[in-house]
Amino acid sequence: MGEWLGRGRKARRAYGFDEIALVPGNVTINPEEVDSSWKLGNKRIAVPIIASAMDGVVDVKFAIAMSKLGALAALNLEGVQTRYENPDSVLSKISGASPEEATEILQSLYRVPIKEALITRRIKEIKKAGGVAVVSSIPQKAEKYGRIAQAAGADVFIVQSTVSTVKHISTKYQTLDLKKFISGMKIPVIVGNCVTYQTTLELMETGASGILIGVGPGAACTTRGVLGMGVPQATAICDAAAARDEHFKRTGRYIPIIADGGMSTGGDICKAFACGSDAVMVGSAFAKAKEAPGRGYHWGMATPHANLPRGTRIKVGITGSLEQIMFGPAGLDDGTQNLVGALQTCMGNVGARTIRELQSIDLVIAPAIKTEGKVYQQAQRLGMGK
C-alpha cells in the first residue's frame, strides 16, 4: 500500500474533503424526517456541531446562544476570557491591528496571567443563563483547571493540544496521566487532537468520552506550514472511524469521534460525517456570526505562542446571525449558512436516516467535484467559484 517517493521510501496517499464526493442513495428521505443528533457521554445532543474553543469564536454569550440552538460551544480557558475582567477592549485591539502587527499584539496580550477566579465566573455565567458549559485546556493545565471547572459546574471538559498522545516523554515537566485524570473527573472528557488509527485507539482506551480528529486543517492554523505536519481530513477521519469501530468491537463502548477543522461549508461538514465522524468542531464558519466576539476576525489557539506561532489572524467578515449560519434562511449561495439544513438535506438525498447510516454511504474519489461544469461560477467568483 502506498506510492514510491524515492528509492526505498514509500508514502500512503491521503485525501482531503475537496477530493471526494458522496454518492446519492437508491432511496431518498424527507429531510424533515432524518435524525441528525449524536450522543456524548449519557446525553443526546440535538445538533452534532461544536463551536471551536477559539477566542474569536466563543465567549460566554456565544456559548449560551449555541446552547439555545441545541448545539455546543467550547470556551477556551486559556484565552482572553480568563485573562481579562473586561475582554471587550482586548478584542477591539486584536481586531484593529494591521496584518503586519497582529501576531505581535496577540503575543503581548496573551502574556497576562490567567485568573483562576475568572474560570469559575465564566462557567457560572454560562450555567446561570441555562447554557451548556463546555471548556477547553491544554494538557499541562488540565489537572488544575479540570478541578476548578468541575467545581464551577462545567458539563464537558476538553483536553486539547496540537498533537495528543497517551505516551508523552519529557524530563522538563510532569506529563499528564490521561487515564488517571479522566477517571477522576465526574464529567465527560474529550481529548485531542490526533489523526492516526493507533493513536485514536490508544486515546479511547484512556476512558475519554470523545476524540478530536485533525492536525493543521483549520482556516487560521499554520501548523502544516510551520511544522510540515498533518493528514488531510478525509483520510484522518476514516482511519479514526476504523479505530472507533475496533474499540467498540473489543469493549462494547462506543466513543464518538469529532472532526476538528477544515470545514467551512455545509458540504465539507456532510463529507466529514460520511467519512465516519459522529460530530464536527467548526471555527471559521462561526467566526462570521454577528454574535462572535472576534468582530469578523478569527485566529488559532497557537497564534499567540511566544516562541513559535502556529496560527494567524484572518479576516472572515461578518455575514449573518448565528441562527442564520446554523439554521438559515441562507442569504449566501456558497454553503456557509444553514449548516444544519445542508446536513439534513444531504442525509435525505443519500438515504441516511441517522448519522450512523450516513457514515456508511458510498464515497468516490473525485478531484474535479468542485470544478466540473463550474466555469461561469469561477469566472464570476460566485457560488462554488469564490
Protein backbone atom coordinates (compact mmCIF):
# COMPACT_ATOMS: atom_id res chain seq x y z
CA MET A 1 0.00 0.00 0.00
CA GLY A 2 1.32 3.43 -0.87
CA GLU A 3 3.37 5.01 -3.63
CA TRP A 4 7.11 5.30 -4.07
CA LEU A 5 8.51 8.73 -3.17
CA GLY A 6 12.04 7.65 -3.98
CA ARG A 7 14.38 4.73 -3.61
CA GLY A 8 13.35 2.70 -0.57
CA ARG A 9 10.76 5.25 0.58
CA LYS A 10 7.01 4.85 0.23
CA ALA A 11 4.15 7.14 1.26
CA ARG A 12 0.46 6.45 1.60
CA ARG A 13 -1.94 8.58 -0.49
CA ALA A 14 -4.24 10.68 1.66
CA TYR A 15 -7.34 12.68 0.71
CA GLY A 16 -8.96 15.93 1.75
CA PHE A 17 -12.59 16.97 1.50
CA ASP A 18 -12.12 18.66 -1.89
CA GLU A 19 -11.00 15.35 -3.43
CA ILE A 20 -14.05 13.23 -2.53
CA ALA A 21 -17.80 13.28 -3.11
CA LEU A 22 -20.86 11.49 -1.73
CA VAL A 23 -22.89 9.20 -3.96
CA PRO A 24 -26.69 9.82 -3.93
CA GLY A 25 -28.74 6.98 -2.48
CA ASN A 26 -31.06 4.48 -4.14
CA VAL A 27 -33.71 5.61 -1.67
CA THR A 28 -34.27 9.24 -0.64
CA ILE A 29 -35.84 10.51 2.58
CA ASN A 30 -37.71 13.66 3.50
CA PRO A 31 -35.00 15.81 5.21
CA GLU A 32 -37.51 16.72 7.92
CA GLU A 33 -37.66 13.06 8.95
CA VAL A 34 -33.94 12.35 9.46
CA ASP A 35 -32.28 12.29 12.89
CA SER A 36 -29.00 14.24 12.96
CA SER A 37 -28.49 14.08 16.73
CA TRP A 38 -25.49 12.48 18.45
CA LYS A 39 -24.58 11.19 21.89
CA LEU A 40 -21.81 12.42 24.21
CA GLY A 41 -21.49 10.51 27.46
CA ASN A 42 -25.03 9.80 28.62
CA LYS A 43 -26.61 12.80 26.89
CA ARG A 44 -28.13 13.05 23.44
CA ILE A 45 -27.42 16.37 21.74
CA ALA A 46 -29.71 17.66 19.00
CA VAL A 47 -27.10 19.29 16.76
CA PRO A 48 -23.80 17.49 16.04
CA ILE A 49 -21.80 20.70 15.68
CA ILE A 50 -19.43 22.23 18.25
CA ALA A 51 -18.05 25.76 18.00
CA SER A 52 -14.26 25.70 18.42
CA ALA A 53 -12.54 26.84 21.60
CA MET A 54 -11.08 29.93 19.94
CA ASP A 55 -11.24 33.46 21.30
CA GLY A 56 -12.55 34.93 18.06
CA VAL A 57 -15.43 32.44 18.08
CA VAL A 58 -16.65 31.66 21.60
CA ASP A 59 -17.29 33.82 24.63
CA VAL A 60 -19.94 33.44 27.34
CA LYS A 61 -22.75 34.99 25.26
CA PHE A 62 -21.89 32.88 22.22
CA ALA A 63 -21.83 29.67 24.30
CA ILE A 64 -25.27 30.49 25.69
CA ALA A 65 -26.64 31.24 22.22
CA MET A 66 -25.30 27.94 20.83
CA SER A 67 -26.84 26.04 23.73
CA LYS A 68 -30.23 27.56 22.99
CA LEU A 69 -29.92 26.32 19.40
CA GLY A 70 -29.31 22.75 20.59
CA ALA A 71 -25.56 22.71 19.92
CA LEU A 72 -22.35 23.11 21.93
CA ALA A 73 -19.64 25.78 22.04
CA ALA A 74 -16.28 25.32 23.76
CA LEU A 75 -14.79 28.16 25.82
CA ASN A 76 -11.00 28.46 25.82
CA LEU A 77 -9.86 28.52 29.46
CA GLU A 78 -6.51 29.96 28.44
CA GLY A 79 -7.73 32.85 26.34
CA VAL A 80 -8.76 36.44 26.83
CA GLN A 81 -11.98 35.48 28.65
CA THR A 82 -9.99 34.15 31.62
CA ARG A 83 -7.12 36.66 31.48
CA TYR A 84 -9.14 39.89 31.46
CA GLU A 85 -12.06 41.09 33.57
CA ASN A 86 -13.28 43.05 30.54
CA PRO A 87 -12.13 41.22 27.39
CA ASP A 88 -14.05 43.51 25.00
CA SER A 89 -11.32 46.16 24.92
CA VAL A 90 -8.71 43.48 24.27
CA LEU A 91 -10.75 42.01 21.42
CA SER A 92 -11.04 45.51 19.92
CA LYS A 93 -7.24 45.84 19.93
CA ILE A 94 -6.87 42.48 18.19
CA SER A 95 -9.44 43.26 15.51
CA GLY A 96 -7.99 46.74 14.98
CA ALA A 97 -4.41 45.59 14.44
CA SER A 98 -2.84 45.66 11.00
CA PRO A 99 -1.93 42.29 9.42
CA GLU A 100 1.76 43.02 10.00
CA GLU A 101 1.39 43.66 13.74
CA ALA A 102 -1.44 41.23 14.59
CA THR A 103 0.69 38.30 15.79
CA GLU A 104 2.95 40.53 17.91
CA ILE A 105 -0.07 42.19 19.54
CA LEU A 106 -1.63 38.80 20.23
CA GLN A 107 1.60 37.58 21.84
CA SER A 108 1.69 40.67 24.04
CA LEU A 109 -1.95 40.46 25.13
CA TYR A 110 -1.70 36.74 25.95
CA ARG A 111 1.26 37.27 28.32
CA VAL A 112 -1.17 38.45 31.02
CA PRO A 113 -1.61 35.57 33.53
CA ILE A 114 -4.81 33.55 33.66
CA LYS A 115 -7.02 34.41 36.62
CA GLU A 116 -8.47 31.22 38.10
CA ALA A 117 -11.39 33.15 39.59
CA LEU A 118 -12.42 34.11 36.05
CA ILE A 119 -12.59 30.43 35.06
CA THR A 120 -15.20 29.90 37.76
CA ARG A 121 -17.03 33.11 36.89
CA ARG A 122 -17.30 32.41 33.15
CA ILE A 123 -18.63 28.89 33.71
CA LYS A 124 -21.18 30.11 36.23
CA GLU A 125 -22.29 32.85 33.82
CA ILE A 126 -23.00 30.22 31.16
CA LYS A 127 -24.82 27.95 33.59
CA LYS A 128 -26.87 30.78 35.13
CA ALA A 129 -28.30 31.56 31.69
CA GLY A 130 -29.23 27.91 31.15
CA GLY A 131 -26.35 27.14 28.80
CA VAL A 132 -24.19 24.04 28.48
CA ALA A 133 -20.68 24.80 29.75
CA VAL A 134 -18.03 23.13 27.58
CA VAL A 135 -14.48 24.26 28.37
CA SER A 136 -11.02 23.54 26.95
CA SER A 137 -7.47 23.44 28.31
CA ILE A 138 -4.03 22.23 27.22
CA PRO A 139 -2.76 19.02 28.91
CA GLN A 140 -0.24 20.84 31.13
CA LYS A 141 -3.05 22.79 32.82
CA ALA A 142 -5.76 20.12 32.68
CA GLU A 143 -5.47 18.80 36.24
CA LYS A 144 -5.68 22.23 37.85
CA TYR A 145 -8.29 23.71 35.53
CA GLY A 146 -10.26 20.47 35.39
CA ARG A 147 -10.85 20.59 39.15
CA ILE A 148 -11.83 24.26 39.02
CA ALA A 149 -14.14 23.78 36.03
CA GLN A 150 -15.87 20.75 37.51
CA ALA A 151 -16.44 22.53 40.83
CA ALA A 152 -17.89 25.52 38.97
CA GLY A 153 -20.45 23.30 37.22
CA ALA A 154 -18.90 22.65 33.79
CA ASP A 155 -20.68 19.99 31.74
CA VAL A 156 -17.82 18.85 29.48
CA PHE A 157 -14.04 19.27 29.74
CA ILE A 158 -11.74 19.17 26.67
CA VAL A 159 -8.03 18.38 26.89
CA GLN A 160 -6.70 19.78 23.64
CA SER A 161 -3.28 20.20 22.07
CA THR A 162 -1.84 20.33 18.55
CA VAL A 163 -0.94 16.64 18.81
CA SER A 164 -2.21 14.43 21.64
CA THR A 165 -0.80 11.03 22.58
CA VAL A 166 -1.11 8.75 25.56
CA LYS A 167 2.66 8.37 25.74
CA HIS A 168 4.36 11.73 26.11
CA ILE A 169 8.04 11.86 27.09
CA SER A 170 9.55 14.82 28.95
CA THR A 171 12.29 15.29 31.53
CA LYS A 172 11.46 19.00 31.96
CA TYR A 173 7.93 18.78 33.32
CA GLN A 174 5.46 16.25 34.69
CA THR A 175 3.26 14.82 31.95
CA LEU A 176 -0.49 14.35 32.27
CA ASP A 177 -1.63 10.82 33.02
CA LEU A 178 -4.74 10.92 30.85
CA LYS A 179 -6.28 7.71 32.17
CA LYS A 180 -5.87 8.80 35.79
CA PHE A 181 -7.14 12.30 35.05
CA ILE A 182 -10.24 11.09 33.20
CA SER A 183 -11.11 8.52 35.88
CA GLY A 184 -11.01 11.30 38.47
CA MET A 185 -13.41 13.54 36.56
CA LYS A 186 -17.16 13.24 37.04
CA ILE A 187 -18.00 14.92 33.74
CA PRO A 188 -17.28 13.76 30.16
CA VAL A 189 -13.74 14.45 28.95
CA ILE A 190 -12.96 14.93 25.24
CA VAL A 191 -9.32 14.50 24.17
CA GLY A 192 -7.50 15.67 21.04
CA ASN A 193 -6.09 16.17 18.58
CA CYS A 194 -4.88 13.17 16.60
CA VAL A 195 -5.02 11.83 13.03
CA THR A 196 -3.95 8.16 13.11
CA TYR A 197 -5.63 4.83 13.76
CA GLN A 198 -3.26 3.70 16.53
CA THR A 199 -3.28 6.97 18.47
CA THR A 200 -7.08 7.20 18.28
CA LEU A 201 -7.33 3.66 19.64
CA GLU A 202 -4.92 4.39 22.50
CA LEU A 203 -6.70 7.63 23.43
CA MET A 204 -10.02 5.77 23.54
CA GLU A 205 -8.52 3.27 25.96
CA THR A 206 -7.98 6.09 28.49
CA GLY A 207 -11.74 6.32 29.05
CA ALA A 208 -12.25 9.53 27.06
CA SER A 209 -15.84 10.35 26.07
CA GLY A 210 -14.83 11.70 22.65
CA ILE A 211 -11.76 12.16 20.46
CA LEU A 212 -10.95 15.21 18.32
CA ILE A 213 -9.58 14.42 14.86
CA GLY A 214 -7.47 16.87 12.88
CA VAL A 215 -3.97 18.33 12.88
CA GLY A 216 -3.50 21.55 10.94
CA PRO A 217 -6.63 21.81 8.74
CA GLY A 218 -8.17 24.86 10.45
CA ALA A 219 -8.59 28.10 8.50
CA ALA A 220 -6.42 30.06 10.95
CA CYS A 221 -3.93 27.27 11.65
CA THR A 222 -0.41 27.33 10.18
CA THR A 223 0.85 24.07 11.73
CA ARG A 224 1.18 22.43 8.33
CA GLY A 225 3.36 25.27 7.10
CA VAL A 226 5.39 25.78 10.27
CA LEU A 227 5.91 22.12 11.21
CA GLY A 228 5.08 20.30 7.98
CA MET A 229 2.69 18.01 9.87
CA GLY A 230 -0.81 16.83 9.16
CA VAL A 231 -3.02 14.31 7.41
CA PRO A 232 -5.82 15.53 5.10
CA GLN A 233 -9.12 15.29 6.93
CA ALA A 234 -10.98 12.73 4.80
CA THR A 235 -8.26 10.13 5.35
CA ALA A 236 -7.70 11.09 9.00
CA ILE A 237 -11.40 10.70 9.82
CA CYS A 238 -11.66 7.35 8.01
CA ASP A 239 -8.68 5.99 9.95
CA ALA A 240 -10.06 7.28 13.25
CA ALA A 241 -13.50 5.81 12.49
CA ALA A 242 -11.89 2.42 11.94
CA ALA A 243 -10.24 2.73 15.37
CA ARG A 244 -13.56 3.70 16.96
CA ASP A 245 -15.28 0.68 15.47
CA GLU A 246 -12.45 -1.63 16.55
CA HIS A 247 -12.62 -0.23 20.08
CA PHE A 248 -16.39 -0.80 20.15
CA LYS A 249 -15.91 -4.37 18.93
CA ARG A 250 -13.36 -5.04 21.69
CA THR A 251 -15.10 -3.27 24.58
CA GLY A 252 -18.75 -2.63 23.69
CA ARG A 253 -18.12 1.08 24.41
CA TYR A 254 -18.84 3.47 21.53
CA ILE A 255 -16.63 6.58 21.66
CA PRO A 256 -17.64 9.32 19.22
CA ILE A 257 -15.01 10.93 17.02
CA ILE A 258 -15.25 14.66 16.32
CA ALA A 259 -13.76 16.06 13.12
CA ASP A 260 -11.97 19.28 14.08
CA GLY A 261 -11.07 21.77 11.36
CA GLY A 262 -11.04 22.00 7.58
CA MET A 263 -14.79 22.56 7.23
CA SER A 264 -16.06 25.94 6.06
CA THR A 265 -19.24 24.89 4.21
CA GLY A 266 -22.19 22.57 4.66
CA GLY A 267 -20.70 20.29 2.00
CA ASP A 268 -17.47 19.90 3.98
CA ILE A 269 -19.46 19.00 7.08
CA CYS A 270 -21.51 16.42 5.19
CA LYS A 271 -18.30 14.83 3.88
CA ALA A 272 -16.84 14.68 7.40
CA PHE A 273 -19.83 12.66 8.59
CA ALA A 274 -19.75 10.41 5.52
CA CYS A 275 -16.08 9.64 6.26
CA GLY A 276 -17.11 8.44 9.72
CA SER A 277 -17.35 11.38 12.09
CA ASP A 278 -20.03 11.49 14.82
CA ALA A 279 -19.84 15.27 15.29
CA VAL A 280 -17.80 18.17 13.96
CA MET A 281 -15.94 21.09 15.56
CA VAL A 282 -16.03 24.25 13.46
CA GLY A 283 -14.35 27.63 13.92
CA SER A 284 -14.22 29.94 10.90
CA ALA A 285 -17.87 29.40 9.93
CA PHE A 286 -18.96 30.72 13.34
CA ALA A 287 -16.38 33.50 13.47
CA LYS A 288 -18.53 35.10 10.74
CA ALA A 289 -21.55 35.37 13.06
CA LYS A 290 -22.71 38.73 14.41
CA GLU A 291 -22.61 37.19 17.88
CA ALA A 292 -18.98 36.04 17.64
CA PRO A 293 -16.54 38.02 19.81
CA GLY A 294 -13.87 38.34 17.09
CA ARG A 295 -15.60 41.18 15.25
CA GLY A 296 -15.15 39.46 11.89
CA TYR A 297 -11.66 38.14 12.69
CA HIS A 298 -10.52 34.64 13.58
CA TRP A 299 -7.23 33.35 14.98
CA GLY A 300 -5.85 29.99 16.01
CA MET A 301 -5.20 28.90 19.58
CA ALA A 302 -1.45 28.72 18.90
CA THR A 303 -1.24 32.13 17.18
CA PRO A 304 -0.10 33.94 20.38
CA HIS A 305 2.64 31.38 21.14
CA ALA A 306 5.66 33.29 22.44
CA ASN A 307 8.34 31.37 20.51
CA LEU A 308 6.73 29.54 17.58
CA PRO A 309 3.27 30.76 16.50
CA ARG A 310 1.35 28.08 14.59
CA GLY A 311 -1.62 30.17 13.62
CA THR A 312 -2.51 33.51 12.12
CA ARG A 313 -5.25 36.09 12.43
CA ILE A 314 -7.50 36.06 9.38
CA LYS A 315 -10.38 38.30 8.35
CA VAL A 316 -13.55 36.31 7.72
CA GLY A 317 -16.03 39.16 7.85
CA ILE A 318 -19.49 39.20 9.44
CA THR A 319 -22.01 37.54 7.14
CA GLY A 320 -25.10 36.91 9.28
CA SER A 321 -26.55 35.88 12.62
CA LEU A 322 -25.64 32.68 14.41
CA GLU A 323 -29.14 31.35 13.76
CA GLN A 324 -28.73 32.05 10.03
CA ILE A 325 -25.43 30.21 9.93
CA MET A 326 -26.90 27.26 11.82
CA PHE A 327 -30.47 27.02 10.52
CA GLY A 328 -30.94 29.65 7.82
CA PRO A 329 -32.59 31.06 5.93
CA ALA A 330 -29.36 31.36 3.97
CA GLY A 331 -28.67 34.71 2.38
CA LEU A 332 -25.49 33.48 0.68
CA ASP A 333 -25.03 30.98 -2.14
CA ASP A 334 -21.70 29.47 -1.07
CA GLY A 335 -22.80 26.89 1.53
CA THR A 336 -21.60 28.83 4.57
CA GLN A 337 -25.10 29.32 6.02
CA ASN A 338 -27.83 26.90 7.17
CA LEU A 339 -25.28 24.23 8.02
CA VAL A 340 -27.83 22.03 9.77
CA GLY A 341 -30.24 22.31 6.86
CA ALA A 342 -27.44 21.28 4.49
CA LEU A 343 -26.63 18.24 6.64
CA GLN A 344 -30.25 17.11 6.86
CA THR A 345 -30.87 17.66 3.13
CA CYS A 346 -27.74 15.67 2.34
CA MET A 347 -28.89 12.86 4.63
CA GLY A 348 -32.21 12.78 2.81
CA ASN A 349 -30.60 12.65 -0.63
CA VAL A 350 -28.21 9.81 0.24
CA GLY A 351 -30.93 7.87 2.09
CA ALA A 352 -29.46 8.09 5.59
CA ARG A 353 -31.95 8.31 8.45
CA THR A 354 -29.23 8.76 11.09
CA ILE A 355 -25.63 9.94 11.36
CA ARG A 356 -24.61 6.30 11.81
CA GLU A 357 -26.19 5.44 8.43
CA LEU A 358 -24.54 8.47 6.83
CA GLN A 359 -21.16 7.08 7.93
CA SER A 360 -21.56 4.06 5.67
CA ILE A 361 -22.76 5.57 2.37
CA ASP A 362 -20.82 5.27 -0.90
CA LEU A 363 -17.93 7.70 -1.46
CA VAL A 364 -15.99 8.41 -4.63
CA ILE A 365 -12.56 9.95 -5.16
CA ALA A 366 -13.47 12.99 -7.23
CA PRO A 367 -10.79 15.70 -7.59
CA ALA A 368 -12.94 17.52 -10.18
CA ILE A 369 -16.05 17.63 -7.97
CA LYS A 370 -15.76 21.38 -7.25
CA THR A 371 -14.68 22.47 -10.74
CA GLU A 372 -16.60 20.28 -13.19
CA GLY A 373 -19.02 22.47 -15.14
CA LYS A 374 -18.41 25.49 -12.88
CA VAL A 375 -16.56 27.69 -15.39
CA TYR A 376 -19.04 30.58 -15.13
CA GLN A 377 -19.08 30.49 -11.34
CA GLN A 378 -15.28 30.56 -11.33
CA ALA A 379 -15.06 33.37 -13.87
CA GLN A 380 -17.61 35.48 -11.98
CA ARG A 381 -16.42 34.41 -8.49
CA LEU A 382 -19.92 33.25 -7.50
CA GLY A 383 -21.15 30.21 -5.57
CA MET A 384 -18.50 27.47 -5.80
CA GLY A 385 -16.17 29.78 -7.73
CA LYS A 386 -15.39 32.01 -4.76
